[in-house]
Amino acid sequence: MALEVALRVTAFGKVDQRLLDQLRHDLDLKSAGRLTDEEDSTMGQRLDDLGEGDTVWRSLSRSSPETWTFWVSYGGRPPASELIDRYRAEAVGAFQRAGLVINREWRQ
């Protein structure tokens, strides 16, 4: 099943292992990738089953050493607007607590 992007929040700033662990915790993501491996881009992820074949995939990725993006994608029906609002608030709060500067947001 192809996933559709529902939300993307991008932030800039330096992230060390402690901050990465904090971001994963604050965003309720499972560990993925290693900060020390330049080729690793996905740094945290979680798949949530919403029932009836609907899923939400949340992930934290880096596209450069100081560019971080929180993604919410879905399979099946689009998630409720309230759920996307909650994920957005969590991402903004997590990035701010980590000292990152939010550069852009996109929402479906």
N, C-alpha and C. Protein backbone atom coordinates (compact mmCIF):
# COMPACT_ATOMS: atom_id res chain seq x y z
N MET A 1 0.85 -1.18 0.00
CA MET A 1 0.00 0.00 0.00
C MET A 1 0.89 1.24 0.00
N ALA A 2 0.61 2.16 -0.88
CA ALA A 2 1.35 3.41 -0.96
C ALA A 2 0.91 4.33 0.18
N LEU A 3 1.87 5.05 0.73
CA LEU A 3 1.58 5.99 1.81
C LEU A 3 1.46 7.40 1.25
N GLU A 4 0.58 8.18 1.83
CA GLU A 4 0.40 9.60 1.50
C GLU A 4 0.92 10.43 2.66
N VAL A 5 1.61 11.52 2.38
CA VAL A 5 2.12 12.40 3.43
C VAL A 5 1.00 13.31 3.89
N ALA A 6 0.80 13.36 5.22
CA ALA A 6 -0.22 14.22 5.81
C ALA A 6 0.39 15.45 6.47
N LEU A 7 1.63 15.32 6.96
CA LEU A 7 2.27 16.42 7.70
C LEU A 7 3.77 16.29 7.58
N ARG A 8 4.43 17.43 7.45
CA ARG A 8 5.89 17.47 7.45
C ARG A 8 6.32 18.74 8.18
N VAL A 9 7.17 18.58 9.19
CA VAL A 9 7.71 19.73 9.94
C VAL A 9 9.23 19.61 9.88
N THR A 10 9.88 20.65 9.36
CA THR A 10 11.33 20.64 9.21
C THR A 10 11.95 21.68 10.14
N ALA A 11 13.05 21.27 10.77
CA ALA A 11 13.75 22.16 11.71
C ALA A 11 15.25 22.04 11.49
N PHE A 12 15.97 23.08 11.91
CA PHE A 12 17.41 23.12 11.76
C PHE A 12 18.08 23.23 13.11
N GLY A 13 19.23 22.61 13.24
CA GLY A 13 20.03 22.72 14.44
C GLY A 13 20.92 21.50 14.62
N LYS A 14 21.89 21.65 15.47
CA LYS A 14 22.83 20.56 15.75
C LYS A 14 22.20 19.60 16.75
N VAL A 15 22.30 18.30 16.46
CA VAL A 15 21.72 17.27 17.32
C VAL A 15 22.82 16.27 17.68
N ASP A 16 23.04 16.09 18.97
CA ASP A 16 23.96 15.04 19.43
C ASP A 16 23.12 13.84 19.88
N GLN A 17 23.79 12.80 20.36
CA GLN A 17 23.08 11.58 20.73
C GLN A 17 22.05 11.82 21.83
N ARG A 18 22.39 12.65 22.80
CA ARG A 18 21.45 12.95 23.89
C ARG A 18 20.19 13.61 23.35
N LEU A 19 20.36 14.59 22.46
CA LEU A 19 19.19 15.27 21.88
C LEU A 19 18.39 14.34 20.97
N LEU A 20 19.08 13.48 20.24
CA LEU A 20 18.36 12.53 19.40
C LEU A 20 17.51 11.60 20.25
N ASP A 21 18.08 11.10 21.33
CA ASP A 21 17.31 10.25 22.24
C ASP A 21 16.11 11.00 22.82
N GLN A 22 16.31 12.26 23.15
CA GLN A 22 15.22 13.09 23.67
C GLN A 22 14.12 13.27 22.62
N LEU A 23 14.52 13.56 21.38
CA LEU A 23 13.53 13.72 20.31
C LEU A 23 12.73 12.44 20.10
N ARG A 24 13.41 11.32 20.07
CA ARG A 24 12.71 10.04 19.91
C ARG A 24 11.71 9.82 21.04
N HIS A 25 12.13 10.12 22.25
CA HIS A 25 11.24 9.95 23.41
C HIS A 25 10.04 10.90 23.31
N ASP A 26 10.32 12.18 23.06
CA ASP A 26 9.25 13.18 22.99
C ASP A 26 8.26 12.90 21.87
N LEU A 27 8.73 12.30 20.79
CA LEU A 27 7.86 12.00 19.65
C LEU A 27 7.30 10.58 19.70
N ASP A 28 7.64 9.83 20.75
CA ASP A 28 7.17 8.45 20.94
C ASP A 28 7.53 7.57 19.74
N LEU A 29 8.81 7.66 19.33
CA LEU A 29 9.29 6.89 18.19
C LEU A 29 10.26 5.81 18.65
N LYS A 30 10.28 4.73 17.91
CA LYS A 30 11.25 3.67 18.14
C LYS A 30 12.55 4.06 17.46
N SER A 31 13.65 3.67 18.08
CA SER A 31 14.97 3.99 17.56
C SER A 31 15.17 3.39 16.17
N ALA A 32 15.79 4.17 15.29
CA ALA A 32 16.18 3.71 13.96
C ALA A 32 17.40 4.52 13.55
N GLY A 33 18.29 3.90 12.82
CA GLY A 33 19.46 4.60 12.33
C GLY A 33 20.44 4.96 13.43
N ARG A 34 21.63 5.33 12.99
CA ARG A 34 22.66 5.75 13.92
C ARG A 34 23.16 7.12 13.53
N LEU A 35 23.27 7.99 14.48
CA LEU A 35 23.73 9.35 14.25
C LEU A 35 25.13 9.36 13.64
N THR A 36 25.95 8.39 13.99
CA THR A 36 27.33 8.34 13.51
C THR A 36 27.46 7.81 12.09
N ASP A 37 26.41 7.23 11.54
CA ASP A 37 26.44 6.72 10.17
C ASP A 37 25.82 7.74 9.22
N GLU A 38 26.65 8.37 8.41
CA GLU A 38 26.17 9.43 7.53
C GLU A 38 25.08 8.97 6.56
N GLU A 39 25.12 7.69 6.18
CA GLU A 39 24.13 7.20 5.22
C GLU A 39 22.77 6.93 5.85
N ASP A 40 22.70 6.86 7.18
CA ASP A 40 21.41 6.65 7.85
C ASP A 40 20.62 7.95 7.83
N SER A 41 19.40 7.90 7.30
CA SER A 41 18.57 9.11 7.28
C SER A 41 17.38 8.99 8.23
N THR A 42 16.78 7.81 8.35
CA THR A 42 15.66 7.64 9.27
C THR A 42 16.21 7.39 10.67
N MET A 43 15.84 8.26 11.60
CA MET A 43 16.39 8.21 12.96
C MET A 43 15.38 7.74 14.01
N GLY A 44 14.12 7.68 13.64
CA GLY A 44 13.08 7.19 14.55
C GLY A 44 11.82 6.94 13.75
N GLN A 45 11.01 5.96 14.22
CA GLN A 45 9.80 5.63 13.47
C GLN A 45 8.78 4.92 14.34
N ARG A 46 7.55 4.97 13.91
CA ARG A 46 6.46 4.24 14.58
C ARG A 46 5.32 4.06 13.60
N LEU A 47 4.77 2.87 13.58
CA LEU A 47 3.61 2.56 12.76
C LEU A 47 2.44 2.32 13.71
N ASP A 48 1.37 3.08 13.51
CA ASP A 48 0.16 2.94 14.33
C ASP A 48 -0.97 2.39 13.47
N ASP A 49 -1.60 1.33 13.96
CA ASP A 49 -2.73 0.73 13.28
C ASP A 49 -4.00 1.38 13.82
N LEU A 50 -4.73 2.06 12.95
CA LEU A 50 -5.95 2.76 13.36
C LEU A 50 -7.19 1.89 13.16
N GLY A 51 -7.00 0.67 12.65
CA GLY A 51 -8.13 -0.22 12.43
C GLY A 51 -8.70 -0.08 11.03
N GLU A 52 -9.43 -1.10 10.61
CA GLU A 52 -10.09 -1.14 9.31
C GLU A 52 -9.12 -0.87 8.16
N GLY A 53 -7.86 -1.29 8.32
CA GLY A 53 -6.88 -1.12 7.26
C GLY A 53 -6.22 0.24 7.21
N ASP A 54 -6.56 1.12 8.13
CA ASP A 54 -5.97 2.46 8.16
C ASP A 54 -4.75 2.47 9.08
N THR A 55 -3.65 3.05 8.59
CA THR A 55 -2.43 3.13 9.37
C THR A 55 -1.85 4.54 9.32
N VAL A 56 -1.05 4.86 10.34
CA VAL A 56 -0.31 6.12 10.36
C VAL A 56 1.14 5.78 10.64
N TRP A 57 2.02 6.31 9.84
CA TRP A 57 3.45 6.10 9.97
C TRP A 57 4.07 7.44 10.36
N ARG A 58 4.75 7.46 11.52
CA ARG A 58 5.44 8.67 11.98
C ARG A 58 6.94 8.40 11.92
N SER A 59 7.70 9.38 11.46
CA SER A 59 9.14 9.17 11.39
C SER A 59 9.89 10.49 11.56
N LEU A 60 11.12 10.34 12.02
CA LEU A 60 12.05 11.45 12.16
C LEU A 60 13.23 11.15 11.25
N SER A 61 13.55 12.08 10.38
CA SER A 61 14.66 11.85 9.47
C SER A 61 15.58 13.06 9.42
N ARG A 62 16.78 12.82 8.96
CA ARG A 62 17.73 13.92 8.72
C ARG A 62 18.13 13.89 7.26
N SER A 63 18.21 15.08 6.68
CA SER A 63 18.66 15.17 5.29
C SER A 63 20.04 15.80 5.21
N SER A 64 20.51 16.35 6.33
CA SER A 64 21.87 16.84 6.47
C SER A 64 22.17 16.81 7.97
N PRO A 65 23.43 17.03 8.36
CA PRO A 65 23.72 16.97 9.80
C PRO A 65 22.89 17.92 10.66
N GLU A 66 22.36 18.98 10.06
CA GLU A 66 21.59 19.94 10.85
C GLU A 66 20.19 20.19 10.31
N THR A 67 19.66 19.27 9.48
CA THR A 67 18.31 19.41 8.95
C THR A 67 17.50 18.18 9.34
N TRP A 68 16.43 18.40 10.10
CA TRP A 68 15.62 17.33 10.69
C TRP A 68 14.17 17.50 10.28
N THR A 69 13.53 16.38 9.92
CA THR A 69 12.13 16.45 9.50
C THR A 69 11.32 15.38 10.22
N PHE A 70 10.18 15.81 10.75
CA PHE A 70 9.19 14.89 11.33
C PHE A 70 8.11 14.71 10.28
N TRP A 71 7.82 13.45 9.94
CA TRP A 71 6.84 13.11 8.91
C TRP A 71 5.67 12.35 9.52
N VAL A 72 4.49 12.62 9.02
CA VAL A 72 3.32 11.79 9.30
C VAL A 72 2.75 11.39 7.95
N SER A 73 2.72 10.08 7.70
CA SER A 73 2.16 9.54 6.47
C SER A 73 1.06 8.55 6.84
N TYR A 74 0.22 8.23 5.89
CA TYR A 74 -0.88 7.31 6.19
C TYR A 74 -1.16 6.40 5.02
N GLY A 75 -1.75 5.28 5.36
CA GLY A 75 -2.26 4.34 4.38
C GLY A 75 -3.73 4.14 4.67
N GLY A 76 -4.53 4.09 3.64
CA GLY A 76 -5.98 3.98 3.85
C GLY A 76 -6.60 5.37 3.86
N ARG A 77 -7.57 5.55 4.74
CA ARG A 77 -8.24 6.85 4.83
C ARG A 77 -7.36 7.86 5.56
N PRO A 78 -7.46 9.15 5.21
CA PRO A 78 -6.68 10.17 5.92
C PRO A 78 -7.06 10.19 7.41
N PRO A 79 -6.07 10.39 8.28
CA PRO A 79 -6.37 10.45 9.71
C PRO A 79 -7.18 11.70 10.05
N ALA A 80 -7.87 11.64 11.16
CA ALA A 80 -8.67 12.77 11.62
C ALA A 80 -7.79 14.01 11.80
N SER A 81 -8.36 15.15 11.50
CA SER A 81 -7.64 16.42 11.63
C SER A 81 -7.09 16.62 13.04
N GLU A 82 -7.86 16.18 14.05
CA GLU A 82 -7.42 16.32 15.44
C GLU A 82 -6.14 15.51 15.72
N LEU A 83 -6.01 14.35 15.10
CA LEU A 83 -4.82 13.54 15.28
C LEU A 83 -3.61 14.23 14.65
N ILE A 84 -3.77 14.78 13.47
CA ILE A 84 -2.68 15.51 12.81
C ILE A 84 -2.31 16.74 13.63
N ASP A 85 -3.31 17.43 14.17
CA ASP A 85 -3.04 18.58 15.05
C ASP A 85 -2.19 18.16 16.25
N ARG A 86 -2.52 17.02 16.83
CA ARG A 86 -1.76 16.53 17.99
C ARG A 86 -0.32 16.20 17.61
N TYR A 87 -0.15 15.51 16.49
CA TYR A 87 1.20 15.17 16.04
C TYR A 87 2.00 16.43 15.72
N ARG A 88 1.38 17.42 15.13
CA ARG A 88 2.06 18.68 14.82
C ARG A 88 2.52 19.36 16.11
N ALA A 89 1.63 19.45 17.09
CA ALA A 89 1.97 20.09 18.37
C ALA A 89 3.12 19.34 19.05
N GLU A 90 3.08 18.01 19.00
CA GLU A 90 4.16 17.22 19.59
C GLU A 90 5.48 17.49 18.89
N ALA A 91 5.47 17.57 17.57
CA ALA A 91 6.69 17.82 16.80
C ALA A 91 7.26 19.20 17.09
N VAL A 92 6.39 20.21 17.06
CA VAL A 92 6.85 21.58 17.33
C VAL A 92 7.44 21.66 18.74
N GLY A 93 6.75 21.10 19.71
CA GLY A 93 7.25 21.12 21.09
C GLY A 93 8.57 20.38 21.24
N ALA A 94 8.68 19.20 20.61
CA ALA A 94 9.91 18.40 20.69
C ALA A 94 11.08 19.14 20.06
N PHE A 95 10.87 19.73 18.90
CA PHE A 95 11.94 20.48 18.25
C PHE A 95 12.35 21.69 19.09
N GLN A 96 11.39 22.39 19.64
CA GLN A 96 11.71 23.56 20.46
C GLN A 96 12.48 23.16 21.71
N ARG A 97 12.07 22.09 22.39
CA ARG A 97 12.78 21.63 23.59
C ARG A 97 14.22 21.21 23.26
N ALA A 98 14.42 20.72 22.05
CA ALA A 98 15.76 20.31 21.62
C ALA A 98 16.60 21.49 21.15
N GLY A 99 16.01 22.68 21.11
CA GLY A 99 16.74 23.87 20.70
C GLY A 99 16.84 24.04 19.20
N LEU A 100 16.01 23.31 18.45
CA LEU A 100 16.02 23.43 17.00
C LEU A 100 15.09 24.56 16.55
N VAL A 101 15.38 25.12 15.40
CA VAL A 101 14.58 26.21 14.84
C VAL A 101 13.72 25.64 13.71
N ILE A 102 12.42 25.79 13.85
CA ILE A 102 11.50 25.29 12.82
C ILE A 102 11.57 26.20 11.61
N ASN A 103 11.80 25.57 10.47
CA ASN A 103 11.98 26.32 9.23
C ASN A 103 10.73 26.32 8.38
N ARG A 104 10.10 25.15 8.25
CA ARG A 104 8.89 25.10 7.44
C ARG A 104 7.98 23.95 7.88
N GLU A 105 6.73 24.14 7.53
CA GLU A 105 5.73 23.12 7.80
C GLU A 105 4.89 22.93 6.56
N TRP A 106 4.44 21.73 6.35
CA TRP A 106 3.53 21.43 5.27
C TRP A 106 2.49 20.47 5.79
N ARG A 107 1.25 20.73 5.43
CA ARG A 107 0.15 19.87 5.85
C ARG A 107 -0.79 19.67 4.69
N GLN A 108 -1.25 18.42 4.54
CA GLN A 108 -2.16 18.08 3.46
C GLN A 108 -3.48 18.77 3.63
